Amino acid sequence: MPGEATVRRKVLAYLKTVPGAFYPIHGNQFTRRGAPDIAGCYKFRFVGIETKSKGGKQTRIQKYEQSRIEKAGGFYAVCRSVADVKKLLTRIERHDFVE
């Protein structure tokens, strides 16, 4: 079972192949608590990606930040694999056709 760092590395490698702009967020004393591990823009939409290992769970503050991003019209997902990221990007693409 891959750890969170491995998942994050694989997700970032995949996102380099996607036509968008994605950046890892490095947590330190200047980073907002609960910020997603990866932030970016895809199809003119803000995207927040929280990477987790198979058994990893969001903290309360991460759930709060997720709700803030989604209320502002952005997209957010907890991703445990590249397949989860692909599902998120597909969801964003489908959303573009709905509006």
N, C-alpha and C. Protein backbone atom coordinates (compact mmCIF):
# COMPACT_ATOMS: atom_id res chain seq x y z
N MET A 1 0.86 -1.18 0.00
CA MET A 1 0.00 0.00 0.00
C MET A 1 0.90 1.24 0.00
N PRO A 2 0.77 2.09 -1.04
CA PRO A 2 1.63 3.28 -1.11
C PRO A 2 1.25 4.31 -0.04
N GLY A 3 2.27 4.99 0.47
CA GLY A 3 2.04 6.05 1.44
C GLY A 3 1.61 7.33 0.75
N GLU A 4 1.25 8.31 1.54
CA GLU A 4 0.76 9.57 0.99
C GLU A 4 1.80 10.26 0.10
N ALA A 5 3.06 10.22 0.48
CA ALA A 5 4.11 10.86 -0.32
C ALA A 5 4.22 10.20 -1.70
N THR A 6 4.07 8.89 -1.76
CA THR A 6 4.12 8.17 -3.03
C THR A 6 2.93 8.55 -3.90
N VAL A 7 1.76 8.60 -3.29
CA VAL A 7 0.55 8.99 -4.04
C VAL A 7 0.73 10.40 -4.59
N ARG A 8 1.19 11.30 -3.77
CA ARG A 8 1.39 12.69 -4.18
C ARG A 8 2.37 12.79 -5.35
N ARG A 9 3.47 12.04 -5.27
CA ARG A 9 4.47 12.04 -6.34
C ARG A 9 3.88 11.54 -7.66
N LYS A 10 3.11 10.45 -7.60
CA LYS A 10 2.49 9.89 -8.81
C LYS A 10 1.45 10.84 -9.39
N VAL A 11 0.67 11.47 -8.52
CA VAL A 11 -0.35 12.42 -8.98
C VAL A 11 0.31 13.62 -9.65
N LEU A 12 1.36 14.16 -9.04
CA LEU A 12 2.06 15.30 -9.63
C LEU A 12 2.69 14.93 -10.98
N ALA A 13 3.24 13.72 -11.08
CA ALA A 13 3.81 13.27 -12.35
C ALA A 13 2.73 13.21 -13.42
N TYR A 14 1.56 12.69 -13.07
CA TYR A 14 0.46 12.62 -14.03
C TYR A 14 0.00 14.03 -14.43
N LEU A 15 -0.13 14.93 -13.45
CA LEU A 15 -0.63 16.27 -13.74
C LEU A 15 0.30 17.05 -14.67
N LYS A 16 1.57 16.67 -14.75
CA LYS A 16 2.48 17.32 -15.70
C LYS A 16 2.10 17.02 -17.14
N THR A 17 1.32 15.95 -17.35
CA THR A 17 0.89 15.57 -18.70
C THR A 17 -0.45 16.19 -19.08
N VAL A 18 -1.06 16.89 -18.16
CA VAL A 18 -2.39 17.47 -18.35
C VAL A 18 -2.27 18.95 -18.72
N PRO A 19 -3.09 19.42 -19.68
CA PRO A 19 -3.02 20.84 -20.04
C PRO A 19 -3.70 21.72 -18.98
N GLY A 20 -2.97 21.99 -17.95
CA GLY A 20 -3.47 22.84 -16.87
C GLY A 20 -2.26 23.32 -16.08
N ALA A 21 -2.51 24.01 -15.01
CA ALA A 21 -1.43 24.51 -14.15
C ALA A 21 -1.68 23.99 -12.74
N PHE A 22 -0.78 23.15 -12.26
CA PHE A 22 -0.93 22.56 -10.94
C PHE A 22 0.36 22.73 -10.15
N TYR A 23 0.22 23.04 -8.87
CA TYR A 23 1.38 23.32 -8.03
C TYR A 23 1.24 22.62 -6.68
N PRO A 24 2.32 21.96 -6.23
CA PRO A 24 2.28 21.37 -4.90
C PRO A 24 2.30 22.47 -3.84
N ILE A 25 1.55 22.26 -2.79
CA ILE A 25 1.54 23.20 -1.67
C ILE A 25 2.38 22.57 -0.56
N HIS A 26 3.46 23.22 -0.20
CA HIS A 26 4.34 22.71 0.84
C HIS A 26 3.93 23.32 2.17
N GLY A 27 3.53 22.47 3.09
CA GLY A 27 3.10 22.95 4.39
C GLY A 27 4.26 23.44 5.23
N ASN A 28 4.11 24.64 5.75
CA ASN A 28 5.08 25.20 6.70
C ASN A 28 4.35 26.24 7.55
N GLN A 29 5.07 27.03 8.31
CA GLN A 29 4.43 27.99 9.20
C GLN A 29 3.69 29.10 8.45
N PHE A 30 3.96 29.27 7.16
CA PHE A 30 3.31 30.32 6.38
C PHE A 30 2.12 29.81 5.57
N THR A 31 1.92 28.51 5.54
CA THR A 31 0.84 27.91 4.77
C THR A 31 -0.43 27.86 5.60
N ARG A 32 -1.54 28.17 4.97
CA ARG A 32 -2.84 28.10 5.65
C ARG A 32 -3.11 26.65 6.05
N ARG A 33 -3.48 26.45 7.30
CA ARG A 33 -3.80 25.10 7.77
C ARG A 33 -4.98 24.55 6.98
N GLY A 34 -4.89 23.29 6.58
CA GLY A 34 -5.97 22.64 5.86
C GLY A 34 -5.92 22.83 4.36
N ALA A 35 -4.92 23.59 3.86
CA ALA A 35 -4.81 23.81 2.42
C ALA A 35 -4.59 22.47 1.73
N PRO A 36 -5.13 22.31 0.51
CA PRO A 36 -4.93 21.04 -0.20
C PRO A 36 -3.46 20.83 -0.54
N ASP A 37 -3.07 19.58 -0.77
CA ASP A 37 -1.69 19.27 -1.11
C ASP A 37 -1.28 19.83 -2.47
N ILE A 38 -2.25 19.90 -3.38
CA ILE A 38 -2.00 20.39 -4.73
C ILE A 38 -3.10 21.36 -5.10
N ALA A 39 -2.72 22.51 -5.63
CA ALA A 39 -3.71 23.49 -6.10
C ALA A 39 -3.40 23.80 -7.55
N GLY A 40 -4.45 24.14 -8.28
CA GLY A 40 -4.21 24.45 -9.68
C GLY A 40 -5.44 24.96 -10.39
N CYS A 41 -5.28 25.06 -11.71
CA CYS A 41 -6.36 25.53 -12.57
C CYS A 41 -6.48 24.58 -13.75
N TYR A 42 -7.70 24.15 -14.03
CA TYR A 42 -7.97 23.25 -15.14
C TYR A 42 -9.29 23.65 -15.77
N LYS A 43 -9.27 23.91 -17.06
CA LYS A 43 -10.49 24.32 -17.79
C LYS A 43 -11.13 25.54 -17.12
N PHE A 44 -10.31 26.50 -16.71
CA PHE A 44 -10.75 27.75 -16.09
C PHE A 44 -11.38 27.55 -14.72
N ARG A 45 -11.12 26.45 -14.08
CA ARG A 45 -11.67 26.14 -12.76
C ARG A 45 -10.55 25.96 -11.75
N PHE A 46 -10.77 26.46 -10.54
CA PHE A 46 -9.81 26.22 -9.46
C PHE A 46 -9.95 24.77 -9.02
N VAL A 47 -8.82 24.11 -8.78
CA VAL A 47 -8.82 22.71 -8.37
C VAL A 47 -7.96 22.55 -7.13
N GLY A 48 -8.51 21.90 -6.11
CA GLY A 48 -7.75 21.54 -4.92
C GLY A 48 -7.73 20.02 -4.81
N ILE A 49 -6.54 19.46 -4.65
CA ILE A 49 -6.40 18.00 -4.54
C ILE A 49 -5.70 17.68 -3.23
N GLU A 50 -6.36 16.89 -2.42
CA GLU A 50 -5.78 16.40 -1.17
C GLU A 50 -5.40 14.95 -1.40
N THR A 51 -4.10 14.64 -1.34
CA THR A 51 -3.66 13.27 -1.55
C THR A 51 -3.65 12.53 -0.21
N LYS A 52 -4.11 11.30 -0.26
CA LYS A 52 -4.15 10.46 0.94
C LYS A 52 -3.77 9.04 0.57
N SER A 53 -3.21 8.32 1.52
CA SER A 53 -2.97 6.90 1.34
C SER A 53 -4.32 6.18 1.48
N LYS A 54 -4.33 4.91 1.24
CA LYS A 54 -5.60 4.16 1.23
C LYS A 54 -6.42 4.36 2.51
N GLY A 55 -5.80 4.32 3.65
CA GLY A 55 -6.52 4.46 4.91
C GLY A 55 -6.55 5.88 5.46
N GLY A 56 -5.92 6.83 4.77
CA GLY A 56 -5.83 8.20 5.26
C GLY A 56 -7.18 8.91 5.26
N LYS A 57 -7.39 9.75 6.25
CA LYS A 57 -8.64 10.49 6.37
C LYS A 57 -8.37 11.99 6.45
N GLN A 58 -9.32 12.76 5.96
CA GLN A 58 -9.22 14.21 6.06
C GLN A 58 -9.37 14.64 7.51
N THR A 59 -8.66 15.71 7.85
CA THR A 59 -8.85 16.31 9.16
C THR A 59 -10.07 17.25 9.09
N ARG A 60 -10.51 17.68 10.23
CA ARG A 60 -11.66 18.59 10.28
C ARG A 60 -11.36 19.89 9.53
N ILE A 61 -10.15 20.42 9.68
CA ILE A 61 -9.81 21.67 9.01
C ILE A 61 -9.71 21.46 7.50
N GLN A 62 -9.27 20.29 7.05
CA GLN A 62 -9.24 20.00 5.61
C GLN A 62 -10.66 19.94 5.04
N LYS A 63 -11.57 19.37 5.78
CA LYS A 63 -12.98 19.33 5.34
C LYS A 63 -13.56 20.74 5.26
N TYR A 64 -13.17 21.57 6.21
CA TYR A 64 -13.63 22.96 6.21
C TYR A 64 -13.10 23.69 4.98
N GLU A 65 -11.82 23.52 4.68
CA GLU A 65 -11.24 24.17 3.50
C GLU A 65 -11.88 23.63 2.22
N GLN A 66 -12.20 22.35 2.19
CA GLN A 66 -12.91 21.78 1.04
C GLN A 66 -14.24 22.49 0.83
N SER A 67 -14.98 22.70 1.90
CA SER A 67 -16.28 23.37 1.77
C SER A 67 -16.11 24.81 1.29
N ARG A 68 -15.08 25.49 1.74
CA ARG A 68 -14.83 26.87 1.28
C ARG A 68 -14.54 26.90 -0.22
N ILE A 69 -13.71 25.98 -0.67
CA ILE A 69 -13.36 25.92 -2.10
C ILE A 69 -14.60 25.62 -2.94
N GLU A 70 -15.39 24.65 -2.52
CA GLU A 70 -16.57 24.26 -3.28
C GLU A 70 -17.64 25.35 -3.26
N LYS A 71 -17.81 26.03 -2.14
CA LYS A 71 -18.78 27.13 -2.08
C LYS A 71 -18.38 28.28 -2.99
N ALA A 72 -17.08 28.43 -3.23
CA ALA A 72 -16.59 29.50 -4.10
C ALA A 72 -16.62 29.09 -5.57
N GLY A 73 -17.09 27.87 -5.86
CA GLY A 73 -17.20 27.41 -7.24
C GLY A 73 -16.03 26.58 -7.73
N GLY A 74 -15.08 26.29 -6.85
CA GLY A 74 -13.94 25.47 -7.22
C GLY A 74 -14.25 23.99 -7.09
N PHE A 75 -13.32 23.17 -7.49
CA PHE A 75 -13.44 21.72 -7.39
C PHE A 75 -12.40 21.20 -6.42
N TYR A 76 -12.76 20.17 -5.69
CA TYR A 76 -11.88 19.61 -4.66
C TYR A 76 -12.11 18.11 -4.62
N ALA A 77 -11.05 17.37 -4.42
CA ALA A 77 -11.20 15.92 -4.26
C ALA A 77 -10.09 15.37 -3.39
N VAL A 78 -10.43 14.34 -2.64
CA VAL A 78 -9.45 13.56 -1.92
C VAL A 78 -9.07 12.43 -2.88
N CYS A 79 -7.79 12.37 -3.24
CA CYS A 79 -7.34 11.41 -4.24
C CYS A 79 -6.34 10.44 -3.63
N ARG A 80 -6.61 9.16 -3.85
CA ARG A 80 -5.74 8.11 -3.36
C ARG A 80 -4.96 7.44 -4.50
N SER A 81 -5.21 7.91 -5.73
CA SER A 81 -4.54 7.34 -6.90
C SER A 81 -4.69 8.31 -8.08
N VAL A 82 -3.94 8.00 -9.13
CA VAL A 82 -4.06 8.78 -10.37
C VAL A 82 -5.46 8.60 -10.94
N ALA A 83 -6.04 7.42 -10.78
CA ALA A 83 -7.40 7.17 -11.27
C ALA A 83 -8.39 8.14 -10.63
N ASP A 84 -8.22 8.45 -9.35
CA ASP A 84 -9.09 9.41 -8.68
C ASP A 84 -8.95 10.81 -9.29
N VAL A 85 -7.73 11.17 -9.65
CA VAL A 85 -7.49 12.48 -10.28
C VAL A 85 -8.17 12.52 -11.65
N LYS A 86 -8.07 11.44 -12.40
CA LYS A 86 -8.71 11.37 -13.71
C LYS A 86 -10.22 11.54 -13.58
N LYS A 87 -10.81 10.94 -12.54
CA LYS A 87 -12.25 11.10 -12.29
C LYS A 87 -12.59 12.56 -12.00
N LEU A 88 -11.75 13.21 -11.20
CA LEU A 88 -11.96 14.63 -10.88
C LEU A 88 -11.92 15.48 -12.15
N LEU A 89 -10.93 15.27 -12.99
CA LEU A 89 -10.81 16.06 -14.21
C LEU A 89 -11.98 15.80 -15.16
N THR A 90 -12.45 14.56 -15.21
CA THR A 90 -13.62 14.23 -16.02
C THR A 90 -14.85 14.96 -15.48
N ARG A 91 -14.97 15.01 -14.16
CA ARG A 91 -16.10 15.73 -13.54
C ARG A 91 -16.06 17.21 -13.92
N ILE A 92 -14.88 17.80 -13.95
CA ILE A 92 -14.75 19.20 -14.33
C ILE A 92 -15.12 19.38 -15.79
N GLU A 93 -14.67 18.49 -16.66
CA GLU A 93 -15.00 18.57 -18.08
C GLU A 93 -16.50 18.47 -18.30
N ARG A 94 -17.16 17.57 -17.63
CA ARG A 94 -18.61 17.41 -17.75
C ARG A 94 -19.35 18.64 -17.24
N HIS A 95 -18.81 19.24 -16.21
CA HIS A 95 -19.43 20.44 -15.63
C HIS A 95 -19.43 21.58 -16.64
N ASP A 96 -18.37 21.66 -17.44
CA ASP A 96 -18.29 22.71 -18.46
C ASP A 96 -19.43 22.62 -19.48
N PHE A 97 -19.88 21.40 -19.76
CA PHE A 97 -20.95 21.23 -20.74
C PHE A 97 -22.33 21.46 -20.15
N VAL A 98 -22.44 21.39 -18.83
CA VAL A 98 -23.73 21.56 -18.17
C VAL A 98 -24.15 23.03 -18.18
N GLU A 99 -23.19 23.92 -18.01
CA GLU A 99 -23.51 25.34 -17.90
C GLU A 99 -23.81 25.96 -19.24
